[in-house]
Every structure is written in C-alpha cells, then in structure tokens.
Amino acid sequence: MITKSALDALFREATGFHKTTCMLASKFIGVKDFNHERHQPIPMIVRASDGMFYRTQFKDRRADAQWTADAEAYFTSLVVNGSFSLELHLKHLHGLVEQQETRGHDLHQLYLELSDWTRTELEHIFQAISASQPLIRQQFEALREEAGLQFDWTMNDVLKESAKAFETWRYSFEKKTVLSSFAGYGEAVFAMRTVSTQFISKTS
C-alpha cells in the first residue's frame, strides 16, 4: 500500500503537470488568468493519419491566428504534458481510493483498473460538467464530424482514444501518419481531482 507521504508527493507532481498544461492551453485560448483549481475547457485536437490537424474553435480570433502560427510546436507540448498529468492523477486515485500501486502509461488501462465505484463517480462528474457547459459538447460534436471521430463523449471513450497520446505525441516527429486524438482533458482531470479531494475530506 502506498504511504500518505508518497500519495501527497504524487498529487503535487500531478498538479505541477496540470498547471503546465493549463499554461500551454492559455496561449491559444487567450485567457491570462487560467485558474487550474477549477474546471477550464482545454482545446481538443486531432491529428489525422495524413498529418492534418483538427481542433476546436476559439472565440478569440487572435488566439486562432496564434494557433495557426504555432500549432504543432505548442500542441505537442500540451498533449504530452496533459497526458502525463492524466496518468499521474489516475495513479493517485489508484493509491488513494483503491489503496494499490500501479504502473504503465496507457490511460485507458489505468482507468479500467479502477473500481466500479470510482469509475462511476468520475463519469458522473464528467457528464455533469458537460451538461452545465453545453458548448463543450457542441464543440466536440463539431470536431467529431469534421475529423471523422468514431467515439462518444464519455470518460471511458475519451481516455480510450487518448490512451497512448503520451507515447504517440512525444515522438510526433517520427509518427506523422498515426491517427491520434486528445479530447476531454479539462473535464477528465477535473473529475479526477474532485474525486480525490472528496475522498480525502471523507476519510480524514
């Protein structure tokens, strides 16, 4: 069983990668005061097998222009940091809620290894966020149609599609023909952090 000090250190590291992901996302969204403590929609991106990028639209036209200029360089960093953040948050849930250590980088496998109770709680929060902010789902549906995505807006599906994002995107210069999507980060990470916080408050 993982110790409390190790769990605390793991959560701090997960938070660090989450903050970095938010900082990278803010460059494209045009939001200077990007608060990592609460839910923030993060750009969704797909790289098709022909190397073409698809992503959700931004309200700020200047941010769109910035995306066009810097897309590949910055979105690669965003996806790699975001993927590792999700991985560490999942591993924190394993240690905190399931009281077991786990290894691996596959986000979907880490998710499936959580208990039914934990997955149900995560899905509930994930969907509650989406229901409270309809634009998130609308942008996903538009992106799904444009890029030809074949998955639904559920915690399970977005993690399944992003399962190997860390591996694929950190070597993106070698794998231009690999279809890869990264969607639902803001909703998924907020759900994980909420479950962790609520669990700690109930057991402390």
N, C-alpha and C. Protein backbone atom coordinates (compact mmCIF):
# COMPACT_ATOMS: atom_id res chain seq x y z
N MET A 1 0.85 -1.20 0.00
CA MET A 1 0.00 0.00 0.00
C MET A 1 0.88 1.25 0.00
N ILE A 2 0.54 2.22 -0.82
CA ILE A 2 1.31 3.44 -0.93
C ILE A 2 1.11 4.31 0.31
N THR A 3 2.18 4.92 0.80
CA THR A 3 2.11 5.73 2.02
C THR A 3 1.48 7.09 1.74
N LYS A 4 1.04 7.76 2.81
CA LYS A 4 0.42 9.07 2.68
C LYS A 4 1.41 10.08 2.10
N SER A 5 2.64 10.04 2.58
CA SER A 5 3.64 11.00 2.07
C SER A 5 3.89 10.78 0.58
N ALA A 6 3.90 9.52 0.16
CA ALA A 6 4.09 9.22 -1.27
C ALA A 6 2.89 9.69 -2.08
N LEU A 7 1.68 9.51 -1.52
CA LEU A 7 0.47 9.98 -2.20
C LEU A 7 0.47 11.49 -2.34
N ASP A 8 0.87 12.18 -1.27
CA ASP A 8 0.93 13.64 -1.30
C ASP A 8 1.92 14.11 -2.36
N ALA A 9 3.07 13.46 -2.44
CA ALA A 9 4.08 13.82 -3.43
C ALA A 9 3.57 13.56 -4.84
N LEU A 10 2.86 12.46 -5.02
CA LEU A 10 2.30 12.12 -6.32
C LEU A 10 1.28 13.16 -6.77
N PHE A 11 0.43 13.59 -5.84
CA PHE A 11 -0.59 14.59 -6.18
C PHE A 11 0.06 15.94 -6.51
N ARG A 12 1.12 16.30 -5.77
CA ARG A 12 1.82 17.55 -6.07
C ARG A 12 2.43 17.51 -7.48
N GLU A 13 3.00 16.37 -7.83
CA GLU A 13 3.60 16.25 -9.16
C GLU A 13 2.52 16.28 -10.24
N ALA A 14 1.41 15.59 -9.98
CA ALA A 14 0.30 15.61 -10.93
C ALA A 14 -0.21 17.04 -11.12
N THR A 15 -0.30 17.79 -10.02
CA THR A 15 -0.75 19.18 -10.09
C THR A 15 0.23 20.03 -10.89
N GLY A 16 1.51 19.78 -10.74
CA GLY A 16 2.52 20.52 -11.49
C GLY A 16 2.35 20.34 -12.99
N PHE A 17 2.14 19.11 -13.43
CA PHE A 17 1.92 18.87 -14.86
C PHE A 17 0.59 19.45 -15.32
N HIS A 18 -0.40 19.44 -14.43
CA HIS A 18 -1.69 20.05 -14.77
C HIS A 18 -1.54 21.56 -14.95
N LYS A 19 -0.81 22.21 -14.06
CA LYS A 19 -0.58 23.65 -14.18
C LYS A 19 0.13 23.97 -15.50
N THR A 20 1.11 23.16 -15.85
CA THR A 20 1.85 23.39 -17.10
C THR A 20 0.93 23.24 -18.31
N THR A 21 0.07 22.23 -18.27
CA THR A 21 -0.90 22.03 -19.35
C THR A 21 -1.81 23.25 -19.48
N CYS A 22 -2.26 23.78 -18.35
CA CYS A 22 -3.12 24.97 -18.37
C CYS A 22 -2.39 26.18 -18.93
N MET A 23 -1.13 26.32 -18.59
CA MET A 23 -0.34 27.45 -19.10
C MET A 23 -0.21 27.37 -20.62
N LEU A 24 0.04 26.16 -21.12
CA LEU A 24 0.17 25.97 -22.57
C LEU A 24 -1.17 26.24 -23.26
N ALA A 25 -2.25 25.76 -22.65
CA ALA A 25 -3.58 25.96 -23.23
C ALA A 25 -3.95 27.44 -23.26
N SER A 26 -3.54 28.18 -22.24
CA SER A 26 -3.91 29.60 -22.16
C SER A 26 -3.32 30.39 -23.33
N LYS A 27 -2.23 29.93 -23.90
CA LYS A 27 -1.61 30.61 -25.03
C LYS A 27 -2.56 30.66 -26.23
N PHE A 28 -3.32 29.59 -26.38
CA PHE A 28 -4.22 29.51 -27.53
C PHE A 28 -5.61 30.05 -27.22
N ILE A 29 -6.04 29.89 -25.99
CA ILE A 29 -7.37 30.35 -25.62
C ILE A 29 -7.39 31.87 -25.44
N GLY A 30 -6.25 32.43 -25.08
CA GLY A 30 -6.19 33.87 -24.86
C GLY A 30 -6.67 34.27 -23.48
N VAL A 31 -6.65 33.32 -22.53
CA VAL A 31 -7.07 33.59 -21.16
C VAL A 31 -5.83 33.76 -20.29
N LYS A 32 -5.62 34.96 -19.77
CA LYS A 32 -4.43 35.21 -18.97
C LYS A 32 -4.55 34.61 -17.57
N ASP A 33 -5.74 34.72 -16.97
CA ASP A 33 -5.95 34.23 -15.61
C ASP A 33 -6.54 32.82 -15.66
N PHE A 34 -5.74 31.88 -16.10
CA PHE A 34 -6.20 30.50 -16.25
C PHE A 34 -6.06 29.80 -14.90
N ASN A 35 -7.19 29.58 -14.23
CA ASN A 35 -7.19 29.03 -12.87
C ASN A 35 -7.22 27.51 -12.90
N HIS A 36 -6.13 26.86 -12.55
CA HIS A 36 -6.05 25.41 -12.61
C HIS A 36 -6.85 24.74 -11.49
N GLU A 37 -7.30 25.53 -10.51
CA GLU A 37 -8.03 24.96 -9.38
C GLU A 37 -9.49 24.64 -9.72
N ARG A 38 -10.01 25.24 -10.76
CA ARG A 38 -11.39 24.95 -11.15
C ARG A 38 -11.41 24.47 -12.59
N HIS A 39 -12.57 24.00 -13.02
CA HIS A 39 -12.66 23.46 -14.37
C HIS A 39 -12.42 24.53 -15.42
N GLN A 40 -11.60 24.19 -16.39
CA GLN A 40 -11.37 25.05 -17.54
C GLN A 40 -11.40 24.19 -18.80
N PRO A 41 -12.19 24.55 -19.80
CA PRO A 41 -12.16 23.79 -21.05
C PRO A 41 -10.79 23.90 -21.71
N ILE A 42 -10.25 22.79 -22.10
CA ILE A 42 -8.94 22.75 -22.77
C ILE A 42 -9.16 22.41 -24.24
N PRO A 43 -8.44 23.05 -25.16
CA PRO A 43 -8.63 22.77 -26.58
C PRO A 43 -8.55 21.26 -26.89
N MET A 44 -9.44 20.80 -27.75
CA MET A 44 -9.42 19.42 -28.21
C MET A 44 -8.73 19.39 -29.56
N ILE A 45 -7.90 18.39 -29.78
CA ILE A 45 -7.13 18.34 -31.02
C ILE A 45 -7.07 16.92 -31.56
N VAL A 46 -7.08 16.82 -32.88
CA VAL A 46 -6.93 15.54 -33.56
C VAL A 46 -5.87 15.70 -34.64
N ARG A 47 -4.96 14.75 -34.71
CA ARG A 47 -4.02 14.71 -35.83
C ARG A 47 -4.38 13.51 -36.67
N ALA A 48 -4.84 13.75 -37.88
CA ALA A 48 -5.28 12.67 -38.76
C ALA A 48 -4.08 11.90 -39.30
N SER A 49 -4.36 10.76 -39.92
CA SER A 49 -3.28 9.91 -40.43
C SER A 49 -2.50 10.57 -41.56
N ASP A 50 -3.08 11.61 -42.19
CA ASP A 50 -2.35 12.33 -43.24
C ASP A 50 -1.54 13.50 -42.67
N GLY A 51 -1.54 13.62 -41.33
CA GLY A 51 -0.76 14.68 -40.68
C GLY A 51 -1.53 15.96 -40.49
N MET A 52 -2.76 16.04 -40.96
CA MET A 52 -3.55 17.27 -40.84
C MET A 52 -4.11 17.41 -39.42
N PHE A 53 -4.10 18.65 -38.91
CA PHE A 53 -4.62 18.94 -37.58
C PHE A 53 -6.07 19.39 -37.65
N TYR A 54 -6.87 18.93 -36.71
CA TYR A 54 -8.23 19.43 -36.49
C TYR A 54 -8.29 19.83 -35.02
N ARG A 55 -9.00 20.90 -34.71
CA ARG A 55 -9.12 21.29 -33.31
C ARG A 55 -10.38 22.09 -33.10
N THR A 56 -10.77 22.23 -31.84
CA THR A 56 -11.95 23.02 -31.52
C THR A 56 -11.66 24.49 -31.80
N GLN A 57 -12.70 25.23 -32.14
CA GLN A 57 -12.55 26.64 -32.47
C GLN A 57 -12.46 27.48 -31.20
N PHE A 58 -11.79 28.59 -31.29
CA PHE A 58 -11.67 29.51 -30.17
C PHE A 58 -12.51 30.75 -30.43
N LYS A 59 -13.00 31.36 -29.37
CA LYS A 59 -13.79 32.58 -29.51
C LYS A 59 -12.91 33.75 -29.91
N ASP A 60 -11.68 33.75 -29.41
CA ASP A 60 -10.75 34.85 -29.65
C ASP A 60 -10.06 34.64 -31.00
N ARG A 61 -10.31 35.49 -31.96
CA ARG A 61 -9.72 35.31 -33.29
C ARG A 61 -8.20 35.45 -33.25
N ARG A 62 -7.71 36.25 -32.33
CA ARG A 62 -6.26 36.39 -32.19
C ARG A 62 -5.65 35.08 -31.73
N ALA A 63 -6.38 34.37 -30.87
CA ALA A 63 -5.89 33.07 -30.42
C ALA A 63 -5.89 32.09 -31.58
N ASP A 64 -6.90 32.16 -32.45
CA ASP A 64 -6.93 31.30 -33.62
C ASP A 64 -5.72 31.56 -34.52
N ALA A 65 -5.39 32.84 -34.71
CA ALA A 65 -4.24 33.18 -35.54
C ALA A 65 -2.95 32.68 -34.91
N GLN A 66 -2.89 32.77 -33.59
CA GLN A 66 -1.72 32.29 -32.86
C GLN A 66 -1.60 30.77 -33.01
N TRP A 67 -2.74 30.10 -32.95
CA TRP A 67 -2.74 28.65 -33.13
C TRP A 67 -2.17 28.29 -34.49
N THR A 68 -2.59 29.00 -35.53
CA THR A 68 -2.12 28.72 -36.88
C THR A 68 -0.61 28.86 -36.97
N ALA A 69 -0.09 29.86 -36.29
CA ALA A 69 1.35 30.11 -36.37
C ALA A 69 2.17 29.10 -35.58
N ASP A 70 1.66 28.66 -34.42
CA ASP A 70 2.47 27.85 -33.51
C ASP A 70 1.90 26.47 -33.21
N ALA A 71 0.89 26.07 -33.95
CA ALA A 71 0.11 24.90 -33.57
C ALA A 71 0.93 23.67 -33.24
N GLU A 72 1.74 23.21 -34.15
CA GLU A 72 2.41 21.94 -33.96
C GLU A 72 3.35 21.96 -32.77
N ALA A 73 4.14 23.03 -32.65
CA ALA A 73 5.11 23.11 -31.56
C ALA A 73 4.44 23.12 -30.20
N TYR A 74 3.40 23.94 -30.05
CA TYR A 74 2.80 24.08 -28.74
C TYR A 74 1.80 22.99 -28.40
N PHE A 75 1.04 22.52 -29.38
CA PHE A 75 0.07 21.49 -29.08
C PHE A 75 0.73 20.16 -28.77
N THR A 76 1.88 19.89 -29.36
CA THR A 76 2.62 18.68 -28.99
C THR A 76 2.97 18.72 -27.51
N SER A 77 3.46 19.87 -27.04
CA SER A 77 3.80 20.02 -25.62
C SER A 77 2.56 19.93 -24.75
N LEU A 78 1.46 20.53 -25.21
CA LEU A 78 0.22 20.49 -24.44
C LEU A 78 -0.26 19.05 -24.27
N VAL A 79 -0.26 18.29 -25.34
CA VAL A 79 -0.76 16.91 -25.29
C VAL A 79 0.14 16.04 -24.42
N VAL A 80 1.46 16.18 -24.56
CA VAL A 80 2.39 15.37 -23.77
C VAL A 80 2.24 15.68 -22.28
N ASN A 81 2.20 16.97 -21.94
CA ASN A 81 2.03 17.34 -20.53
C ASN A 81 0.66 16.92 -20.01
N GLY A 82 -0.37 17.13 -20.82
CA GLY A 82 -1.71 16.76 -20.41
C GLY A 82 -1.85 15.26 -20.21
N SER A 83 -1.26 14.48 -21.10
CA SER A 83 -1.33 13.02 -20.99
C SER A 83 -0.64 12.54 -19.72
N PHE A 84 0.51 13.11 -19.42
CA PHE A 84 1.23 12.70 -18.21
C PHE A 84 0.49 13.15 -16.96
N SER A 85 -0.15 14.31 -17.03
CA SER A 85 -0.97 14.78 -15.92
C SER A 85 -2.10 13.79 -15.65
N LEU A 86 -2.81 13.35 -16.69
CA LEU A 86 -3.88 12.37 -16.52
C LEU A 86 -3.35 11.07 -15.94
N GLU A 87 -2.21 10.64 -16.42
CA GLU A 87 -1.61 9.40 -15.92
C GLU A 87 -1.33 9.49 -14.42
N LEU A 88 -0.74 10.58 -13.99
CA LEU A 88 -0.41 10.73 -12.57
C LEU A 88 -1.67 10.88 -11.71
N HIS A 89 -2.67 11.57 -12.22
CA HIS A 89 -3.93 11.69 -11.47
C HIS A 89 -4.61 10.33 -11.34
N LEU A 90 -4.57 9.52 -12.39
CA LEU A 90 -5.13 8.17 -12.32
C LEU A 90 -4.38 7.32 -11.31
N LYS A 91 -3.06 7.43 -11.31
CA LYS A 91 -2.25 6.65 -10.37
C LYS A 91 -2.48 7.12 -8.94
N HIS A 92 -2.75 8.41 -8.78
CA HIS A 92 -3.07 8.92 -7.45
C HIS A 92 -4.39 8.32 -6.96
N LEU A 93 -5.38 8.22 -7.84
CA LEU A 93 -6.65 7.60 -7.48
C LEU A 93 -6.45 6.12 -7.11
N HIS A 94 -5.59 5.45 -7.83
CA HIS A 94 -5.31 4.04 -7.51
C HIS A 94 -4.75 3.93 -6.09
N GLY A 95 -3.82 4.81 -5.75
CA GLY A 95 -3.21 4.74 -4.43
C GLY A 95 -4.13 5.21 -3.33
N LEU A 96 -4.88 6.27 -3.59
CA LEU A 96 -5.73 6.88 -2.58
C LEU A 96 -7.01 6.08 -2.34
N VAL A 97 -7.75 5.80 -3.40
CA VAL A 97 -9.06 5.16 -3.28
C VAL A 97 -8.95 3.65 -3.27
N GLU A 98 -8.16 3.11 -4.21
CA GLU A 98 -8.06 1.64 -4.32
C GLU A 98 -6.99 1.07 -3.40
N GLN A 99 -6.12 1.96 -2.87
CA GLN A 99 -5.05 1.55 -1.96
C GLN A 99 -4.13 0.52 -2.59
N GLN A 100 -3.72 0.81 -3.80
CA GLN A 100 -2.78 -0.06 -4.50
C GLN A 100 -1.93 0.76 -5.46
N GLU A 101 -0.72 0.32 -5.68
CA GLU A 101 0.16 0.97 -6.64
C GLU A 101 -0.08 0.35 -8.01
N THR A 102 0.16 1.14 -9.04
CA THR A 102 0.01 0.63 -10.40
C THR A 102 1.06 1.27 -11.29
N ARG A 103 1.33 0.62 -12.40
CA ARG A 103 2.33 1.11 -13.35
C ARG A 103 1.73 1.15 -14.75
N GLY A 104 2.49 1.75 -15.67
CA GLY A 104 2.06 1.82 -17.05
C GLY A 104 1.68 3.22 -17.48
N HIS A 105 1.61 3.42 -18.80
CA HIS A 105 1.29 4.74 -19.36
C HIS A 105 -0.05 4.76 -20.07
N ASP A 106 -0.66 3.59 -20.29
CA ASP A 106 -1.90 3.50 -21.03
C ASP A 106 -3.05 4.06 -20.19
N LEU A 107 -3.57 5.22 -20.56
CA LEU A 107 -4.60 5.91 -19.77
C LEU A 107 -5.87 5.08 -19.64
N HIS A 108 -6.26 4.43 -20.71
CA HIS A 108 -7.49 3.64 -20.66
C HIS A 108 -7.34 2.43 -19.76
N GLN A 109 -6.20 1.76 -19.83
CA GLN A 109 -5.97 0.60 -18.97
C GLN A 109 -5.95 1.01 -17.50
N LEU A 110 -5.32 2.13 -17.20
CA LEU A 110 -5.31 2.63 -15.82
C LEU A 110 -6.72 2.94 -15.35
N TYR A 111 -7.53 3.48 -16.24
CA TYR A 111 -8.92 3.79 -15.91
C TYR A 111 -9.72 2.51 -15.66
N LEU A 112 -9.56 1.52 -16.52
CA LEU A 112 -10.31 0.28 -16.38
C LEU A 112 -9.95 -0.48 -15.11
N GLU A 113 -8.74 -0.28 -14.61
CA GLU A 113 -8.29 -0.98 -13.41
C GLU A 113 -8.83 -0.35 -12.12
N LEU A 114 -9.49 0.81 -12.24
CA LEU A 114 -10.15 1.41 -11.08
C LEU A 114 -11.41 0.62 -10.75
N SER A 115 -11.88 0.75 -9.53
CA SER A 115 -13.10 0.05 -9.12
C SER A 115 -14.32 0.62 -9.84
N ASP A 116 -15.40 -0.15 -9.86
CA ASP A 116 -16.64 0.31 -10.47
C ASP A 116 -17.12 1.60 -9.81
N TRP A 117 -16.99 1.68 -8.49
CA TRP A 117 -17.43 2.87 -7.75
C TRP A 117 -16.68 4.11 -8.23
N THR A 118 -15.36 4.00 -8.35
CA THR A 118 -14.55 5.14 -8.75
C THR A 118 -14.87 5.57 -10.17
N ARG A 119 -15.00 4.62 -11.07
CA ARG A 119 -15.31 4.95 -12.46
C ARG A 119 -16.70 5.60 -12.57
N THR A 120 -17.64 5.12 -11.78
CA THR A 120 -18.99 5.72 -11.80
C THR A 120 -18.95 7.16 -11.31
N GLU A 121 -18.19 7.42 -10.25
CA GLU A 121 -18.07 8.78 -9.74
C GLU A 121 -17.42 9.70 -10.77
N LEU A 122 -16.38 9.22 -11.41
CA LEU A 122 -15.68 10.02 -12.42
C LEU A 122 -16.61 10.35 -13.59
N GLU A 123 -17.34 9.35 -14.06
CA GLU A 123 -18.25 9.57 -15.19
C GLU A 123 -19.35 10.55 -14.83
N HIS A 124 -19.85 10.45 -13.61
CA HIS A 124 -20.91 11.36 -13.16
C HIS A 124 -20.43 12.80 -13.19
N ILE A 125 -19.25 13.06 -12.68
CA ILE A 125 -18.71 14.42 -12.65
C ILE A 125 -18.41 14.90 -14.07
N PHE A 126 -17.83 14.03 -14.87
CA PHE A 126 -17.50 14.34 -16.26
C PHE A 126 -18.74 14.80 -17.02
N GLN A 127 -19.84 14.07 -16.86
CA GLN A 127 -21.07 14.40 -17.57
C GLN A 127 -21.75 15.63 -16.97
N ALA A 128 -21.63 15.82 -15.65
CA ALA A 128 -22.23 16.99 -15.00
C ALA A 128 -21.58 18.27 -15.51
N ILE A 129 -20.27 18.25 -15.68
CA ILE A 129 -19.57 19.42 -16.22
C ILE A 129 -20.07 19.73 -17.63
N SER A 130 -20.16 18.69 -18.44
CA SER A 130 -20.59 18.85 -19.83
C SER A 130 -22.01 19.38 -19.91
N ALA A 131 -22.87 18.92 -19.01
CA ALA A 131 -24.26 19.38 -19.01
C ALA A 131 -24.36 20.84 -18.60
N SER A 132 -23.47 21.28 -17.71
CA SER A 132 -23.51 22.66 -17.23
C SER A 132 -22.90 23.64 -18.22
N GLN A 133 -22.10 23.12 -19.18
CA GLN A 133 -21.46 23.96 -20.18
C GLN A 133 -21.68 23.33 -21.56
N PRO A 134 -22.85 23.54 -22.16
CA PRO A 134 -23.22 22.88 -23.42
C PRO A 134 -22.23 23.09 -24.56
N LEU A 135 -21.49 24.21 -24.52
CA LEU A 135 -20.55 24.49 -25.60
C LEU A 135 -19.48 23.40 -25.72
N ILE A 136 -19.13 22.79 -24.60
CA ILE A 136 -18.11 21.72 -24.63
C ILE A 136 -18.57 20.60 -25.54
N ARG A 137 -19.78 20.11 -25.29
CA ARG A 137 -20.32 19.01 -26.09
C ARG A 137 -20.53 19.43 -27.55
N GLN A 138 -20.98 20.66 -27.76
CA GLN A 138 -21.20 21.15 -29.11
C GLN A 138 -19.90 21.18 -29.91
N GLN A 139 -18.82 21.64 -29.25
CA GLN A 139 -17.54 21.70 -29.94
C GLN A 139 -17.01 20.30 -30.23
N PHE A 140 -17.24 19.39 -29.31
CA PHE A 140 -16.81 18.01 -29.54
C PHE A 140 -17.54 17.41 -30.72
N GLU A 141 -18.85 17.62 -30.78
CA GLU A 141 -19.64 17.06 -31.87
C GLU A 141 -19.19 17.64 -33.21
N ALA A 142 -18.88 18.93 -33.25
CA ALA A 142 -18.39 19.56 -34.48
C ALA A 142 -17.05 18.98 -34.88
N LEU A 143 -16.17 18.78 -33.90
CA LEU A 143 -14.86 18.21 -34.18
C LEU A 143 -14.98 16.75 -34.63
N ARG A 144 -15.89 16.02 -34.00
CA ARG A 144 -16.08 14.62 -34.37
C ARG A 144 -16.52 14.49 -35.82
N GLU A 145 -17.43 15.38 -36.24
CA GLU A 145 -17.90 15.33 -37.63
C GLU A 145 -16.80 15.75 -38.60
N GLU A 146 -16.08 16.81 -38.25
CA GLU A 146 -15.04 17.33 -39.15
C GLU A 146 -13.89 16.35 -39.32
N ALA A 147 -13.46 15.73 -38.23
CA ALA A 147 -12.29 14.84 -38.28
C ALA A 147 -12.67 13.38 -38.45
N GLY A 148 -13.98 13.08 -38.44
CA GLY A 148 -14.42 11.70 -38.61
C GLY A 148 -14.13 10.81 -37.42
N LEU A 149 -14.29 11.36 -36.20
CA LEU A 149 -14.02 10.58 -35.00
C LEU A 149 -15.11 9.52 -34.79
N GLN A 150 -14.72 8.40 -34.18
CA GLN A 150 -15.63 7.28 -34.01
C GLN A 150 -15.85 6.93 -32.55
N PHE A 151 -15.87 7.93 -31.67
CA PHE A 151 -16.11 7.64 -30.26
C PHE A 151 -17.07 8.66 -29.66
N ASP A 152 -17.63 8.30 -28.51
CA ASP A 152 -18.64 9.13 -27.87
C ASP A 152 -18.04 9.97 -26.74
N TRP A 153 -18.84 10.92 -26.26
CA TRP A 153 -18.39 11.82 -25.20
C TRP A 153 -18.64 11.18 -23.84
N THR A 154 -17.79 10.24 -23.49
CA THR A 154 -17.82 9.61 -22.17
C THR A 154 -16.40 9.58 -21.64
N MET A 155 -16.27 9.47 -20.32
CA MET A 155 -14.95 9.39 -19.71
C MET A 155 -14.18 8.18 -20.27
N ASN A 156 -14.88 7.07 -20.39
CA ASN A 156 -14.26 5.86 -20.90
C ASN A 156 -13.72 6.06 -22.31
N ASP A 157 -14.54 6.64 -23.18
CA ASP A 157 -14.15 6.76 -24.58
C ASP A 157 -13.04 7.77 -24.81
N VAL A 158 -13.10 8.93 -24.13
CA VAL A 158 -12.05 9.92 -24.36
C VAL A 158 -10.70 9.42 -23.85
N LEU A 159 -10.72 8.65 -22.74
CA LEU A 159 -9.46 8.09 -22.25
C LEU A 159 -8.98 6.95 -23.14
N LYS A 160 -9.91 6.21 -23.69
CA LYS A 160 -9.54 5.14 -24.61
C LYS A 160 -8.86 5.70 -25.85
N GLU A 161 -9.43 6.78 -26.40
CA GLU A 161 -8.86 7.39 -27.60
C GLU A 161 -7.55 8.11 -27.32
N SER A 162 -7.37 8.57 -26.08
CA SER A 162 -6.14 9.27 -25.71
C SER A 162 -5.16 8.34 -24.99
N ALA A 163 -5.46 7.04 -25.00
CA ALA A 163 -4.71 6.08 -24.18
C ALA A 163 -3.21 6.14 -24.38
N LYS A 164 -2.78 6.26 -25.62
CA LYS A 164 -1.36 6.26 -25.92
C LYS A 164 -0.87 7.61 -26.42
N ALA A 165 -1.59 8.66 -26.04
CA ALA A 165 -1.24 10.00 -26.52
C ALA A 165 0.16 10.41 -26.09
N PHE A 166 0.54 10.06 -24.84
CA PHE A 166 1.87 10.44 -24.34
C PHE A 166 2.95 9.85 -25.23
N GLU A 167 2.83 8.57 -25.55
CA GLU A 167 3.82 7.90 -26.39
C GLU A 167 3.80 8.42 -27.81
N THR A 168 2.60 8.59 -28.36
CA THR A 168 2.46 9.00 -29.76
C THR A 168 2.92 10.43 -29.99
N TRP A 169 2.51 11.35 -29.13
CA TRP A 169 2.80 12.76 -29.37
C TRP A 169 4.21 13.16 -28.98
N ARG A 170 4.82 12.49 -28.01
CA ARG A 170 6.19 12.90 -27.65
C ARG A 170 7.16 12.52 -28.76
N TYR A 171 6.78 11.58 -29.61
CA TYR A 171 7.58 11.23 -30.78
C TYR A 171 6.84 11.60 -32.06
N SER A 172 6.11 12.70 -32.01
CA SER A 172 5.27 13.07 -33.14
C SER A 172 6.08 13.30 -34.41
N PHE A 173 7.33 13.71 -34.27
CA PHE A 173 8.16 13.95 -35.45
C PHE A 173 8.47 12.65 -36.18
N GLU A 174 8.30 11.51 -35.51
CA GLU A 174 8.56 10.21 -36.13
C GLU A 174 7.28 9.54 -36.62
N LYS A 175 6.11 10.00 -36.14
CA LYS A 175 4.87 9.28 -36.38
C LYS A 175 3.80 10.19 -36.97
N LYS A 176 4.11 10.78 -38.09
CA LYS A 176 3.18 11.72 -38.71
C LYS A 176 1.93 11.03 -39.25
N THR A 177 1.97 9.72 -39.46
CA THR A 177 0.84 9.03 -40.07
C THR A 177 -0.02 8.29 -39.05
N VAL A 178 0.17 8.57 -37.77
CA VAL A 178 -0.61 7.91 -36.73
C VAL A 178 -1.79 8.79 -36.33
N LEU A 179 -3.01 8.24 -36.45
CA LEU A 179 -4.20 8.98 -36.02
C LEU A 179 -4.18 9.09 -34.50
N SER A 180 -4.33 10.29 -33.99
CA SER A 180 -4.30 10.48 -32.54
C SER A 180 -5.22 11.63 -32.16
N SER A 181 -6.00 11.43 -31.10
CA SER A 181 -6.89 12.48 -30.62
C SER A 181 -6.62 12.76 -29.15
N PHE A 182 -6.90 13.98 -28.76
CA PHE A 182 -6.75 14.39 -27.37
C PHE A 182 -7.91 15.31 -27.05
N ALA A 183 -8.93 14.74 -26.41
CA ALA A 183 -10.15 15.49 -26.11
C ALA A 183 -10.59 15.21 -24.69
N GLY A 184 -11.28 16.17 -24.10
CA GLY A 184 -11.86 15.97 -22.78
C GLY A 184 -10.89 16.09 -21.62
N TYR A 185 -9.71 16.67 -21.87
CA TYR A 185 -8.73 16.77 -20.78
C TYR A 185 -9.27 17.57 -19.60
N GLY A 186 -9.80 18.76 -19.88
CA GLY A 186 -10.26 19.62 -18.80
C GLY A 186 -11.32 18.97 -17.94
N GLU A 187 -12.24 18.25 -18.58
CA GLU A 187 -13.33 17.60 -17.87
C GLU A 187 -12.83 16.37 -17.12
N ALA A 188 -11.96 15.59 -17.75
CA ALA A 188 -11.44 14.37 -17.13
C ALA A 188 -10.57 14.67 -15.92
N VAL A 189 -9.65 15.64 -16.06
CA VAL A 189 -8.75 15.92 -14.95
C VAL A 189 -9.51 16.56 -13.79
N PHE A 190 -10.51 17.39 -14.09
CA PHE A 190 -11.29 17.99 -13.02
C PHE A 190 -12.08 16.91 -12.26
N ALA A 191 -12.62 15.94 -12.99
CA ALA A 191 -13.33 14.84 -12.35
C ALA A 191 -12.41 14.06 -11.42
N MET A 192 -11.19 13.80 -11.87
CA MET A 192 -10.23 13.06 -11.05
C MET A 192 -9.85 13.84 -9.80
N ARG A 193 -9.57 15.12 -9.97
CA ARG A 193 -9.18 15.93 -8.83
C ARG A 193 -10.33 16.10 -7.84
N THR A 194 -11.55 16.16 -8.35
CA THR A 194 -12.72 16.28 -7.48
C THR A 194 -12.91 15.01 -6.65
N VAL A 195 -12.82 13.85 -7.29
CA VAL A 195 -12.96 12.59 -6.56
C VAL A 195 -11.87 12.46 -5.50
N SER A 196 -10.64 12.82 -5.85
CA SER A 196 -9.54 12.76 -4.88
C SER A 196 -9.82 13.66 -3.68
N THR A 197 -10.22 14.90 -3.96
CA THR A 197 -10.47 15.86 -2.88
C THR A 197 -11.63 15.40 -1.99
N GLN A 198 -12.70 14.93 -2.60
CA GLN A 198 -13.86 14.49 -1.82
C GLN A 198 -13.52 13.26 -0.98
N PHE A 199 -12.73 12.35 -1.53
CA PHE A 199 -12.36 11.15 -0.82
C PHE A 199 -11.49 11.48 0.41
N ILE A 200 -10.56 12.41 0.22
CA ILE A 200 -9.69 12.83 1.30
C ILE A 200 -10.51 13.47 2.42
N SER A 201 -11.47 14.33 2.05
CA SER A 201 -12.28 15.02 3.07
C SER A 201 -13.17 14.04 3.86
N LYS A 202 -13.62 12.97 3.21
CA LYS A 202 -14.47 12.00 3.88
C LYS A 202 -13.69 11.07 4.80
N THR A 203 -12.43 10.83 4.47
CA THR A 203 -11.65 9.86 5.24
C THR A 203 -10.69 10.50 6.24
N SER A 204 -10.58 11.83 6.21
CA SER A 204 -9.65 12.49 7.13
C SER A 204 -10.33 12.83 8.46
